[in-house]
Amino acid sequence: MFDFLIVLVRVAANIFSLLVIVKVLLSYFLSPYHPVRQTIDQIIEPLLSPIRNRMPMIGMFDFSPIILLVLIQIIEFLLVSVFASL
């Protein structure tokens, strides 16, 4: 039972991490009004906006995606540790 939850947490963390990376890459190439970019933004932006509100941009650089990736990895580690210990 808990093995399934561990796999589920890992898959979800990988999907969210991939979506964050794709969002950053697409922001360089696609218009903000492109349907693919809008779909990914609807998924990832609610996770990024609280980080952006608390952390100012440094120059022209927005480090919130990096912080989100780190947070995803930390949450994945914690959840997998909890489920593995049960």
N, C-alpha and C. Protein backbone atom coordinates (compact mmCIF):
# COMPACT_ATOMS: atom_id res chain seq x y z
N MET A 1 0.83 -1.20 0.00
CA MET A 1 0.00 0.00 0.00
C MET A 1 0.87 1.26 0.00
N PHE A 2 1.84 1.30 0.91
CA PHE A 2 2.66 2.50 1.01
C PHE A 2 3.65 2.60 -0.15
N ASP A 3 3.99 1.46 -0.76
CA ASP A 3 4.86 1.50 -1.93
C ASP A 3 4.17 2.25 -3.07
N PHE A 4 2.87 2.03 -3.21
CA PHE A 4 2.11 2.75 -4.23
C PHE A 4 2.13 4.26 -3.96
N LEU A 5 1.99 4.65 -2.70
CA LEU A 5 2.01 6.08 -2.35
C LEU A 5 3.38 6.69 -2.60
N ILE A 6 4.43 5.94 -2.34
CA ILE A 6 5.78 6.44 -2.60
C ILE A 6 5.97 6.68 -4.09
N VAL A 7 5.53 5.73 -4.90
CA VAL A 7 5.65 5.89 -6.36
C VAL A 7 4.81 7.07 -6.82
N LEU A 8 3.61 7.21 -6.27
CA LEU A 8 2.74 8.31 -6.64
C LEU A 8 3.36 9.66 -6.30
N VAL A 9 3.95 9.78 -5.13
CA VAL A 9 4.60 11.03 -4.72
C VAL A 9 5.77 11.34 -5.64
N ARG A 10 6.56 10.34 -5.95
CA ARG A 10 7.72 10.56 -6.83
C ARG A 10 7.30 10.96 -8.24
N VAL A 11 6.27 10.33 -8.76
CA VAL A 11 5.78 10.67 -10.10
C VAL A 11 5.22 12.10 -10.11
N ALA A 12 4.44 12.44 -9.09
CA ALA A 12 3.87 13.79 -9.02
C ALA A 12 4.98 14.83 -8.90
N ALA A 13 5.99 14.56 -8.09
CA ALA A 13 7.10 15.51 -7.94
C ALA A 13 7.85 15.67 -9.26
N ASN A 14 8.05 14.57 -9.97
CA ASN A 14 8.74 14.66 -11.26
C ASN A 14 7.91 15.43 -12.29
N ILE A 15 6.62 15.22 -12.29
CA ILE A 15 5.75 15.94 -13.23
C ILE A 15 5.76 17.44 -12.93
N PHE A 16 5.62 17.80 -11.65
CA PHE A 16 5.64 19.23 -11.30
C PHE A 16 6.99 19.85 -11.61
N SER A 17 8.07 19.13 -11.35
CA SER A 17 9.41 19.65 -11.66
C SER A 17 9.56 19.86 -13.16
N LEU A 18 9.11 18.90 -13.93
CA LEU A 18 9.18 19.03 -15.38
C LEU A 18 8.34 20.20 -15.88
N LEU A 19 7.15 20.39 -15.31
CA LEU A 19 6.30 21.51 -15.72
C LEU A 19 6.94 22.86 -15.39
N VAL A 20 7.64 22.95 -14.26
CA VAL A 20 8.33 24.20 -13.92
C VAL A 20 9.42 24.49 -14.94
N ILE A 21 10.19 23.47 -15.28
CA ILE A 21 11.27 23.65 -16.26
C ILE A 21 10.71 24.01 -17.63
N VAL A 22 9.64 23.35 -18.04
CA VAL A 22 9.01 23.65 -19.33
C VAL A 22 8.46 25.07 -19.32
N LYS A 23 7.88 25.50 -18.21
CA LYS A 23 7.35 26.86 -18.12
C LYS A 23 8.45 27.89 -18.33
N VAL A 24 9.58 27.66 -17.69
CA VAL A 24 10.70 28.60 -17.84
C VAL A 24 11.19 28.62 -19.28
N LEU A 25 11.36 27.46 -19.88
CA LEU A 25 11.84 27.40 -21.26
C LEU A 25 10.85 28.01 -22.24
N LEU A 26 9.57 27.72 -22.06
CA LEU A 26 8.58 28.28 -22.98
C LEU A 26 8.44 29.79 -22.84
N SER A 27 8.77 30.33 -21.69
CA SER A 27 8.66 31.78 -21.51
C SER A 27 9.64 32.52 -22.42
N TYR A 28 10.69 31.83 -22.88
CA TYR A 28 11.64 32.46 -23.80
C TYR A 28 11.19 32.37 -25.25
N PHE A 29 10.35 31.40 -25.59
CA PHE A 29 10.05 31.13 -26.99
C PHE A 29 8.60 31.38 -27.41
N LEU A 30 7.66 31.20 -26.50
CA LEU A 30 6.26 31.32 -26.88
C LEU A 30 5.63 32.58 -26.32
N SER A 31 4.65 33.06 -27.01
CA SER A 31 3.86 34.19 -26.55
C SER A 31 3.10 33.81 -25.29
N PRO A 32 2.89 34.77 -24.38
CA PRO A 32 2.10 34.46 -23.18
C PRO A 32 0.67 34.03 -23.50
N TYR A 33 0.22 34.29 -24.71
CA TYR A 33 -1.15 33.96 -25.09
C TYR A 33 -1.26 32.63 -25.83
N HIS A 34 -0.15 31.94 -25.99
CA HIS A 34 -0.18 30.63 -26.65
C HIS A 34 -0.91 29.64 -25.73
N PRO A 35 -1.79 28.81 -26.29
CA PRO A 35 -2.60 27.90 -25.46
C PRO A 35 -1.77 26.93 -24.60
N VAL A 36 -0.68 26.43 -25.13
CA VAL A 36 0.15 25.50 -24.35
C VAL A 36 0.75 26.22 -23.15
N ARG A 37 1.26 27.41 -23.41
CA ARG A 37 1.87 28.18 -22.31
C ARG A 37 0.83 28.60 -21.29
N GLN A 38 -0.34 28.97 -21.73
CA GLN A 38 -1.40 29.35 -20.78
C GLN A 38 -1.82 28.17 -19.91
N THR A 39 -1.87 26.99 -20.49
CA THR A 39 -2.25 25.80 -19.72
C THR A 39 -1.21 25.51 -18.63
N ILE A 40 0.05 25.54 -19.01
CA ILE A 40 1.11 25.29 -18.03
C ILE A 40 1.14 26.39 -16.98
N ASP A 41 0.92 27.64 -17.40
CA ASP A 41 0.88 28.75 -16.44
C ASP A 41 -0.25 28.59 -15.43
N GLN A 42 -1.39 28.08 -15.87
CA GLN A 42 -2.51 27.88 -14.95
C GLN A 42 -2.19 26.84 -13.89
N ILE A 43 -1.32 25.90 -14.22
CA ILE A 43 -0.95 24.86 -13.26
C ILE A 43 0.15 25.34 -12.32
N ILE A 44 1.16 26.00 -12.85
CA ILE A 44 2.36 26.32 -12.09
C ILE A 44 2.29 27.69 -11.42
N GLU A 45 1.63 28.64 -12.02
CA GLU A 45 1.62 30.00 -11.48
C GLU A 45 1.06 30.10 -10.06
N PRO A 46 0.02 29.35 -9.68
CA PRO A 46 -0.42 29.42 -8.28
C PRO A 46 0.64 28.96 -7.28
N LEU A 47 1.58 28.14 -7.72
CA LEU A 47 2.67 27.71 -6.85
C LEU A 47 3.80 28.74 -6.82
N LEU A 48 4.00 29.44 -7.93
CA LEU A 48 5.08 30.41 -8.02
C LEU A 48 4.74 31.76 -7.40
N SER A 49 3.49 32.18 -7.50
CA SER A 49 3.15 33.54 -7.05
C SER A 49 3.41 33.79 -5.56
N PRO A 50 3.14 32.85 -4.64
CA PRO A 50 3.49 33.14 -3.24
C PRO A 50 5.00 33.31 -3.03
N ILE A 51 5.79 32.56 -3.79
CA ILE A 51 7.24 32.70 -3.68
C ILE A 51 7.67 34.06 -4.21
N ARG A 52 7.09 34.47 -5.34
CA ARG A 52 7.43 35.79 -5.91
C ARG A 52 7.03 36.93 -4.98
N ASN A 53 5.93 36.77 -4.26
CA ASN A 53 5.48 37.81 -3.34
C ASN A 53 6.45 37.99 -2.18
N ARG A 54 7.09 36.92 -1.76
CA ARG A 54 7.99 36.98 -0.61
C ARG A 54 9.44 37.26 -0.99
N MET A 55 9.79 36.96 -2.23
CA MET A 55 11.18 37.11 -2.64
C MET A 55 11.26 38.10 -3.81
N PRO A 56 11.96 39.20 -3.62
CA PRO A 56 12.05 40.16 -4.72
C PRO A 56 12.97 39.64 -5.82
N MET A 57 12.77 40.17 -7.01
CA MET A 57 13.65 39.82 -8.12
C MET A 57 15.02 40.42 -7.87
N ILE A 58 16.04 39.73 -8.31
CA ILE A 58 17.40 40.22 -8.18
C ILE A 58 17.82 40.67 -9.57
N GLY A 59 17.80 41.99 -9.76
CA GLY A 59 18.06 42.52 -11.10
C GLY A 59 16.92 42.12 -12.02
N MET A 60 17.28 41.51 -13.13
CA MET A 60 16.28 41.03 -14.08
C MET A 60 15.93 39.56 -13.85
N PHE A 61 16.53 38.95 -12.87
CA PHE A 61 16.41 37.51 -12.69
C PHE A 61 15.33 37.15 -11.66
N ASP A 62 14.53 36.17 -12.03
CA ASP A 62 13.48 35.65 -11.15
C ASP A 62 13.90 34.25 -10.72
N PHE A 63 14.25 34.12 -9.45
CA PHE A 63 14.73 32.85 -8.93
C PHE A 63 13.61 32.00 -8.33
N SER A 64 12.36 32.44 -8.44
CA SER A 64 11.26 31.68 -7.85
C SER A 64 11.11 30.28 -8.44
N PRO A 65 11.34 30.04 -9.74
CA PRO A 65 11.26 28.65 -10.22
C PRO A 65 12.30 27.74 -9.57
N ILE A 66 13.48 28.26 -9.31
CA ILE A 66 14.51 27.44 -8.67
C ILE A 66 14.09 27.10 -7.25
N ILE A 67 13.55 28.08 -6.54
CA ILE A 67 13.09 27.84 -5.17
C ILE A 67 11.95 26.84 -5.17
N LEU A 68 11.04 26.96 -6.14
CA LEU A 68 9.94 25.99 -6.24
C LEU A 68 10.46 24.58 -6.50
N LEU A 69 11.45 24.45 -7.36
CA LEU A 69 12.02 23.13 -7.61
C LEU A 69 12.64 22.54 -6.35
N VAL A 70 13.33 23.36 -5.58
CA VAL A 70 13.91 22.89 -4.32
C VAL A 70 12.81 22.48 -3.35
N LEU A 71 11.76 23.28 -3.25
CA LEU A 71 10.65 22.95 -2.35
C LEU A 71 9.96 21.65 -2.76
N ILE A 72 9.80 21.44 -4.05
CA ILE A 72 9.20 20.20 -4.53
C ILE A 72 10.05 19.01 -4.11
N GLN A 73 11.37 19.14 -4.24
CA GLN A 73 12.27 18.05 -3.86
C GLN A 73 12.25 17.80 -2.36
N ILE A 74 12.17 18.86 -1.57
CA ILE A 74 12.11 18.71 -0.11
C ILE A 74 10.82 18.01 0.31
N ILE A 75 9.70 18.45 -0.27
CA ILE A 75 8.41 17.84 0.06
C ILE A 75 8.40 16.38 -0.37
N GLU A 76 8.95 16.10 -1.54
CA GLU A 76 9.02 14.70 -2.00
C GLU A 76 9.84 13.87 -1.01
N PHE A 77 11.00 14.37 -0.60
CA PHE A 77 11.85 13.63 0.34
C PHE A 77 11.12 13.36 1.65
N LEU A 78 10.45 14.39 2.17
CA LEU A 78 9.75 14.23 3.44
C LEU A 78 8.61 13.22 3.34
N LEU A 79 7.81 13.32 2.28
CA LEU A 79 6.69 12.39 2.13
C LEU A 79 7.16 10.96 1.91
N VAL A 80 8.18 10.79 1.09
CA VAL A 80 8.71 9.44 0.86
C VAL A 80 9.28 8.87 2.16
N SER A 81 9.96 9.70 2.94
CA SER A 81 10.51 9.23 4.23
C SER A 81 9.41 8.79 5.17
N VAL A 82 8.34 9.57 5.23
CA VAL A 82 7.23 9.23 6.11
C VAL A 82 6.57 7.93 5.66
N PHE A 83 6.29 7.81 4.36
CA PHE A 83 5.63 6.60 3.87
C PHE A 83 6.53 5.37 3.98
N ALA A 84 7.84 5.55 3.82
CA ALA A 84 8.76 4.43 3.93
C ALA A 84 8.89 3.94 5.36
N SER A 85 8.69 4.83 6.31
CA SER A 85 8.83 4.43 7.71
C SER A 85 7.57 3.76 8.26
N LEU A 86 6.48 3.84 7.53
CA LEU A 86 5.22 3.23 8.03
C LEU A 86 5.16 1.75 7.72
